[in-house]
């Protein structure tokens, strides 16, 4: 499977790590917690690549080890960040004993396999969990709903299968969920983001899966920052995701089987990306789209749209490929209307 990196989510991942990693004390002055050190050595033993873990020795402080970030005062492990490394094995149960950890990242590790260990559910202080572009498999586990502090969950571009657990809707602090690029099937749980206690608009990315059914109507009440449902087999109405007063910047419903009238849709004023191509959408393109000053990406090709393409605003930046293969669209950049 070819992994497609979504730039906004990857940049947010890096920003979050850099933010948590800022520490006023030099690493060499931090005394590593003894219990955490034992846990890390167990994690090292679970993965077969001694070169990658060369700095992880009994003789040195674990706060000096590569991929590890400690709290400057307590010496407790706060972050475990593995990027683009060549070690083999499954994520061990021992990871659940890093009881103070806030952030775990496994990124671009093709030889990390097996299911997510249930011991992860013990990490009640975990805010950020990103296991991306690995070969972990099995279902998206229900026990993730026990991570009550979780703010961002990224399990994209792995080999996860089965359905999306409705229990993820119990994560009241969750503002970003990315399950793109897996083998997930079934319908989208209507519970997602319905209990959120934060004021931050959530992001939902479920692209490149095998999801079916309709978008839950409850999503019409959620002011998403970003929603990407592209490349599934979803059907029905997607128009209620739009709305002039919503904070949404990106809506990508492309390559599905959505069928609704675009004529009276009102686009969010902050919208920068609209991708509706390769569906069964009918009606015309609303003239209000010319008022969107931040619009940078727009594609409605391969639908059943008719009428004149609105002129003005940012519409001049989009070429004919963004409109091709519709029922009867006309006007610049397509041939003139008759």
Protein backbone atom coordinates (compact mmCIF):
# COMPACT_ATOMS: atom_id res chain seq x y z
CA UNK A 1 0.00 0.00 0.00
CA UNK A 2 1.32 3.43 -0.96
CA UNK A 3 1.12 5.88 1.88
CA UNK A 4 -0.05 9.40 1.06
CA UNK A 5 1.10 11.99 3.60
CA UNK A 6 -1.52 14.63 4.34
CA UNK A 7 0.52 17.75 4.89
CA UNK A 8 -1.68 19.53 7.47
CA UNK A 9 -1.83 16.50 9.78
CA UNK A 10 1.89 15.79 9.44
CA UNK A 11 2.81 19.41 10.17
CA UNK A 12 0.57 19.40 13.24
CA UNK A 13 2.28 16.21 14.39
CA UNK A 14 5.73 17.81 14.13
CA UNK A 15 4.57 21.03 15.76
CA UNK A 16 3.05 19.14 18.67
CA UNK A 17 6.25 17.17 19.26
CA UNK A 18 8.42 20.28 19.13
CA UNK A 19 6.08 22.03 21.55
CA UNK A 20 6.19 19.23 24.10
CA UNK A 21 9.92 18.72 23.62
CA UNK A 22 10.95 22.22 24.71
CA UNK A 23 12.86 21.81 27.98
CA UNK A 24 14.87 24.50 29.76
CA UNK A 25 17.25 22.00 31.38
CA UNK A 26 20.15 20.35 29.52
CA UNK A 27 19.42 16.66 28.97
CA UNK A 28 22.57 15.57 30.81
CA UNK A 29 21.32 17.16 34.06
CA UNK A 30 18.01 15.26 34.14
CA UNK A 31 17.98 12.19 36.40
CA UNK A 32 16.11 9.37 34.70
CA UNK A 33 13.36 7.67 36.68
CA UNK A 34 14.44 4.12 37.56
CA UNK A 35 11.07 2.49 36.82
CA UNK A 36 10.76 4.20 33.44
CA UNK A 37 14.27 3.11 32.52
CA UNK A 38 13.37 -0.53 33.16
CA UNK A 39 10.31 -0.16 30.93
CA UNK A 40 12.34 1.36 28.10
CA UNK A 41 14.87 -1.46 28.25
CA UNK A 42 11.95 -3.91 27.92
CA UNK A 43 10.78 -2.01 24.84
CA UNK A 44 14.29 -2.18 23.41
CA UNK A 45 14.34 -5.96 23.94
CA UNK A 46 11.09 -6.30 21.99
CA UNK A 47 12.56 -4.75 18.84
CA UNK A 48 15.42 -6.33 16.90
CA UNK A 49 17.86 -3.60 15.93
CA UNK A 50 20.67 -3.02 18.39
CA UNK A 51 22.17 -0.26 16.24
CA UNK A 52 19.08 1.91 16.48
CA UNK A 53 19.00 1.53 20.27
CA UNK A 54 22.76 1.92 20.71
CA UNK A 55 22.34 4.80 23.17
CA UNK A 56 19.91 2.81 25.33
CA UNK A 57 22.36 1.33 27.86
CA UNK A 58 22.30 0.59 31.57
CA UNK A 59 25.25 2.90 32.10
CA UNK A 60 23.55 6.10 30.87
CA UNK A 61 20.49 8.12 31.90
CA UNK A 62 17.43 7.24 29.84
CA UNK A 63 16.80 10.96 29.45
CA UNK A 64 19.94 11.06 27.27
CA UNK A 65 18.72 8.28 24.98
CA UNK A 66 17.62 8.90 21.41
CA UNK A 67 13.84 9.07 20.83
CA UNK A 68 13.16 9.80 24.52
CA UNK A 69 12.07 13.07 26.15
CA UNK A 70 11.88 13.41 29.95
CA UNK A 71 10.29 15.92 32.26
CA UNK A 72 12.98 18.31 33.47
CA UNK A 73 12.06 18.07 37.15
CA UNK A 74 10.78 14.54 37.78
CA UNK A 75 12.84 12.68 35.19
CA UNK A 76 9.71 10.80 34.10
CA UNK A 77 9.47 9.85 30.42
CA UNK A 78 7.05 12.22 28.71
CA UNK A 79 7.57 11.36 25.04
CA UNK A 80 8.63 8.42 22.94
CA UNK A 81 9.20 9.42 19.31
CA UNK A 82 10.36 6.96 16.64
CA UNK A 83 10.74 8.28 13.09
CA UNK A 84 11.76 6.47 9.91
CA UNK A 85 13.71 3.67 11.60
CA UNK A 86 14.51 0.09 10.64
CA UNK A 87 13.65 -2.02 13.64
CA UNK A 88 11.45 -5.10 13.75
CA UNK A 89 8.75 -6.42 16.05
CA UNK A 90 5.42 -5.67 17.69
CA UNK A 91 4.69 -2.86 20.12
CA UNK A 92 5.16 -4.56 23.51
CA UNK A 93 2.80 -4.49 26.48
CA UNK A 94 5.57 -2.79 28.46
CA UNK A 95 4.72 0.52 26.79
CA UNK A 96 1.65 0.66 29.02
CA UNK A 97 3.89 1.06 32.08
CA UNK A 98 5.14 4.51 31.04
CA UNK A 99 2.45 5.96 33.27
CA UNK A 100 3.43 9.65 32.91
CA UNK A 101 3.88 9.71 29.15
CA UNK A 102 2.05 12.39 27.14
CA UNK A 103 3.05 11.60 23.56
CA UNK A 104 3.84 8.44 21.58
CA UNK A 105 4.85 8.56 17.92
CA UNK A 106 5.70 5.62 15.66
CA UNK A 107 6.13 7.03 12.13
CA UNK A 108 7.39 5.35 8.95
CA UNK A 109 8.29 2.05 10.59
CA UNK A 110 7.35 -0.61 8.00
CA UNK A 111 8.65 -3.49 10.12
CA UNK A 112 6.52 -2.72 13.16
CA UNK A 113 3.72 -5.30 12.97
CA UNK A 114 0.97 -6.93 15.00
CA UNK A 115 -2.01 -5.46 16.84
CA UNK A 116 -2.08 -2.51 19.19
CA UNK A 117 -1.42 -3.85 22.70
CA UNK A 118 -4.28 -3.47 25.16
CA UNK A 119 -1.75 -2.19 27.72
CA UNK A 120 -1.93 1.19 25.95
CA UNK A 121 -5.28 1.68 27.71
CA UNK A 122 -3.38 2.23 30.98
CA UNK A 123 -1.83 5.49 29.73
CA UNK A 124 -4.29 7.91 31.30
CA UNK A 125 -2.03 10.94 30.71
CA UNK A 126 -1.60 10.29 26.99
CA UNK A 127 -2.53 13.33 24.91
CA UNK A 128 -1.06 12.43 21.52
CA UNK A 129 -0.94 8.96 19.95
CA UNK A 130 0.36 8.66 16.38
CA UNK A 131 1.14 5.25 14.92
CA UNK A 132 1.38 6.06 11.23
CA UNK A 133 2.81 4.30 8.19
CA UNK A 134 3.61 1.04 9.94
CA UNK A 135 2.29 -2.46 9.33
CA UNK A 136 0.25 -2.82 12.49
CA UNK A 137 -2.92 -4.81 11.83
CA UNK A 138 -6.12 -5.99 13.45
CA UNK A 139 -9.05 -3.80 14.49
CA UNK A 140 -9.13 -0.27 15.80
CA UNK A 141 -9.54 -1.35 19.43
CA UNK A 142 -12.37 -0.29 21.73
CA UNK A 143 -9.92 0.22 24.58
CA UNK A 144 -8.70 3.45 23.00
CA UNK A 145 -11.83 5.07 24.45
CA UNK A 146 -10.23 4.64 27.89
CA UNK A 147 -7.53 7.21 27.02
CA UNK A 148 -9.58 10.02 28.49
CA UNK A 149 -6.93 12.74 28.05
CA UNK A 150 -6.38 11.97 24.35
CA UNK A 151 -6.45 15.02 22.11
CA UNK A 152 -5.12 13.64 18.82
CA UNK A 153 -5.30 10.08 17.50
CA UNK A 154 -3.52 9.21 14.25
CA UNK A 155 -3.55 5.57 13.10
CA UNK A 156 -3.32 6.36 9.40
CA UNK A 157 -1.74 4.28 6.62
CA UNK A 158 -1.44 0.99 8.44
CA UNK A 159 -3.23 -2.33 7.88
CA UNK A 160 -6.10 -1.91 10.30
CA UNK A 161 -9.38 -3.60 9.39
CA UNK A 162 -12.90 -4.02 10.71
CA UNK A 163 -15.23 -1.22 11.74
CA UNK A 164 -14.63 2.09 13.48
CA UNK A 165 -15.62 1.64 17.14
CA UNK A 166 -18.47 3.88 18.25
CA UNK A 167 -16.74 4.16 21.63
CA UNK A 168 -14.26 6.67 20.15
CA UNK A 169 -17.11 9.15 20.55
CA UNK A 170 -16.56 8.94 24.32
CA UNK A 171 -13.24 10.78 23.98
CA UNK A 172 -14.38 14.22 25.09
CA UNK A 173 -11.02 15.92 24.53
CA UNK A 174 -10.40 14.47 21.06
CA UNK A 175 -9.98 17.16 18.40
CA UNK A 176 -8.27 15.17 15.63
CA UNK A 177 -8.97 11.63 14.43
CA UNK A 178 -7.09 10.23 11.42
CA UNK A 179 -7.79 6.64 10.33
CA UNK A 180 -7.01 7.20 6.65
CA UNK A 181 -5.28 4.65 4.47
CA UNK A 182 -6.39 1.46 6.17
CA UNK A 183 -8.82 -1.35 5.29
CA UNK A 184 -11.71 -0.21 7.46
CA UNK A 185 -15.25 -1.15 6.51
CA UNK A 186 -18.80 -0.58 7.73
CA UNK A 187 -20.47 2.72 8.47
CA UNK A 188 -19.21 5.89 10.18
CA UNK A 189 -20.32 5.95 13.84
CA UNK A 190 -22.65 8.90 14.51
CA UNK A 191 -21.15 9.19 18.01
CA UNK A 192 -17.86 10.72 16.82
CA UNK A 193 -17.25 14.19 18.29
CA UNK A 194 -20.77 14.36 19.76
CA UNK A 195 -19.56 14.59 23.39
CA UNK A 196 -16.63 16.95 22.85
CA UNK A 197 -15.94 19.30 25.71
CA UNK A 198 -13.38 21.42 23.84
CA UNK A 199 -14.04 24.57 21.85
CA UNK A 200 -11.52 23.64 19.14
CA UNK A 201 -13.16 22.61 15.84
CA UNK A 202 -12.38 18.92 15.22
CA UNK A 203 -10.67 17.30 12.26
CA UNK A 204 -11.80 13.93 10.88
CA UNK A 205 -9.87 12.02 8.21
CA UNK A 206 -11.20 8.64 7.09
CA UNK A 207 -9.97 8.67 3.48
CA UNK A 208 -8.73 5.64 1.52
CA UNK A 209 -10.81 2.96 3.27
CA UNK A 210 -13.82 0.77 2.38
CA UNK A 211 -16.48 2.62 4.34
CA UNK A 212 -20.12 2.40 3.24
CA UNK A 213 -23.46 3.97 4.11
CA UNK A 214 -24.30 7.61 4.65
CA UNK A 215 -22.67 10.42 6.61
CA UNK A 216 -24.37 10.50 10.03
CA UNK A 217 -26.88 13.40 10.11
CA UNK A 218 -25.48 14.31 13.56
CA UNK A 219 -22.35 15.55 11.77
CA UNK A 220 -24.41 18.48 10.50
CA UNK A 221 -24.24 19.97 14.00
CA UNK A 222 -20.45 19.61 14.21
CA UNK A 223 -18.37 22.56 13.05
CA UNK A 224 -15.47 20.62 11.60
CA UNK A 225 -12.16 22.31 10.90
CA UNK A 226 -11.42 19.59 8.33
CA UNK A 227 -13.32 16.54 7.14
CA UNK A 228 -11.86 14.14 4.58
CA UNK A 229 -13.98 11.14 3.60
CA UNK A 230 -12.50 10.67 0.14
CA UNK A 231 -12.01 7.35 -1.63
CA UNK A 232 -14.62 5.24 0.13
CA UNK A 233 -18.00 3.90 -1.01
CA UNK A 234 -20.15 6.37 0.89
CA UNK A 235 -23.60 7.38 -0.37
CA UNK A 236 -26.38 9.86 0.28
CA UNK A 237 -26.33 13.53 1.20
CA UNK A 238 -23.20 15.46 2.13
CA UNK A 239 -24.61 18.96 1.79
CA UNK A 240 -25.29 19.40 5.53
CA UNK A 241 -21.53 19.47 6.20
CA UNK A 242 -21.50 22.93 4.60
CA UNK A 243 -22.80 26.15 6.14
CA UNK A 244 -21.76 29.79 5.85
CA UNK A 245 -21.07 30.25 9.57
CA UNK A 246 -19.13 27.00 10.12
CA UNK A 247 -15.36 27.13 10.79
CA UNK A 248 -14.62 24.51 8.15
CA UNK A 249 -11.54 24.99 5.98
CA UNK A 250 -11.50 21.67 4.12
CA UNK A 251 -14.23 19.33 2.88
CA UNK A 252 -13.09 16.40 0.72
CA UNK A 253 -15.87 14.02 -0.33
CA UNK A 254 -14.24 12.98 -3.60
CA UNK A 255 -14.39 9.48 -5.10
CA UNK A 256 -17.53 8.27 -3.40
CA UNK A 257 -21.16 7.89 -4.47
CA UNK A 258 -22.70 10.97 -2.87
CA UNK A 259 -25.83 12.29 -4.51
CA UNK A 260 -27.22 15.71 -3.59
CA UNK A 261 -28.13 19.11 -5.02
CA UNK A 262 -25.28 21.63 -4.82
CA UNK A 263 -27.40 24.59 -5.95
CA UNK A 264 -28.32 26.03 -2.56
CA UNK A 265 -25.26 24.96 -0.59
CA UNK A 266 -23.63 27.78 1.38
CA UNK A 267 -19.86 27.48 1.67
CA UNK A 268 -18.13 28.33 4.97
CA UNK A 269 -16.46 31.71 4.74
CA UNK A 270 -13.08 30.33 5.83
CA UNK A 271 -13.11 27.49 3.32
CA UNK A 272 -9.89 26.87 1.37
CA UNK A 273 -10.44 23.36 -0.06
CA UNK A 274 -13.55 21.85 -1.69
CA UNK A 275 -13.17 18.48 -3.39
CA UNK A 276 -16.41 16.88 -4.59
CA UNK A 277 -15.14 15.18 -7.75
CA UNK A 278 -16.22 11.70 -8.84
CA UNK A 279 -19.65 11.54 -7.23
CA UNK A 280 -23.26 11.92 -8.46
CA UNK A 281 -23.79 15.52 -7.37
CA UNK A 282 -26.31 17.55 -9.39
CA UNK A 283 -27.59 21.12 -9.60
CA UNK A 284 -25.37 24.15 -10.22
CA UNK A 285 -22.35 25.78 -8.58
CA UNK A 286 -23.56 28.52 -6.17
CA UNK A 287 -22.38 32.05 -7.02
CA UNK A 288 -21.52 32.57 -3.35
CA UNK A 289 -18.32 30.62 -3.95
CA UNK A 290 -16.82 33.73 -5.57
CA UNK A 291 -16.89 35.42 -2.14
CA UNK A 292 -14.44 32.94 -0.60
CA UNK A 293 -11.15 34.83 -0.36
CA UNK A 294 -9.17 31.84 0.95
CA UNK A 295 -10.22 29.26 -1.65
CA UNK A 296 -7.14 27.49 -3.01
CA UNK A 297 -8.44 24.09 -4.16
CA UNK A 298 -11.74 23.34 -5.91
CA UNK A 299 -12.78 20.29 -7.91
CA UNK A 300 -16.27 19.22 -8.98
CA UNK A 301 -15.32 17.13 -12.01
CA UNK A 302 -17.07 13.83 -12.84
CA UNK A 303 -20.51 14.73 -11.49
CA UNK A 304 -23.93 15.68 -12.95
CA UNK A 305 -23.68 19.47 -12.58
CA UNK A 306 -25.21 21.99 -14.99
CA UNK A 307 -25.25 25.73 -15.55
CA UNK A 308 -22.69 28.51 -15.84
CA UNK A 309 -19.52 28.40 -13.77
CA UNK A 310 -19.45 31.50 -11.50
CA UNK A 311 -16.78 34.07 -12.33
CA UNK A 312 -14.83 36.26 -9.93
CA UNK A 313 -13.01 35.91 -6.66
CA UNK A 314 -10.57 33.00 -6.65
CA UNK A 315 -12.35 31.05 -9.39
CA UNK A 316 -9.86 32.13 -12.04
CA UNK A 317 -7.16 29.91 -10.51
CA UNK A 318 -8.97 26.65 -11.41
CA UNK A 319 -8.49 25.11 -14.86
CA UNK A 320 -10.88 22.98 -16.92
CA UNK A 321 -9.77 19.75 -15.23
CA UNK A 322 -11.69 20.89 -12.13
CA UNK A 323 -14.98 20.89 -14.09
CA UNK A 324 -14.71 18.18 -16.76
CA UNK A 325 -17.17 15.31 -17.19
CA UNK A 326 -20.31 16.96 -15.89
CA UNK A 327 -23.78 16.96 -17.40
CA UNK A 328 -23.85 20.48 -18.80
CA UNK A 329 -21.49 22.88 -17.05
CA UNK A 330 -20.39 25.78 -19.23
CA UNK A 331 -18.49 29.05 -19.13
CA UNK A 332 -14.85 29.83 -18.52
CA UNK A 333 -12.64 27.75 -18.40
CA UNK A 334 -15.06 25.42 -20.27
CA UNK A 335 -16.70 26.40 -23.59
CA UNK A 336 -19.15 29.36 -23.43
CA UNK A 337 -22.77 28.73 -22.49
CA UNK A 338 -25.16 28.66 -25.44
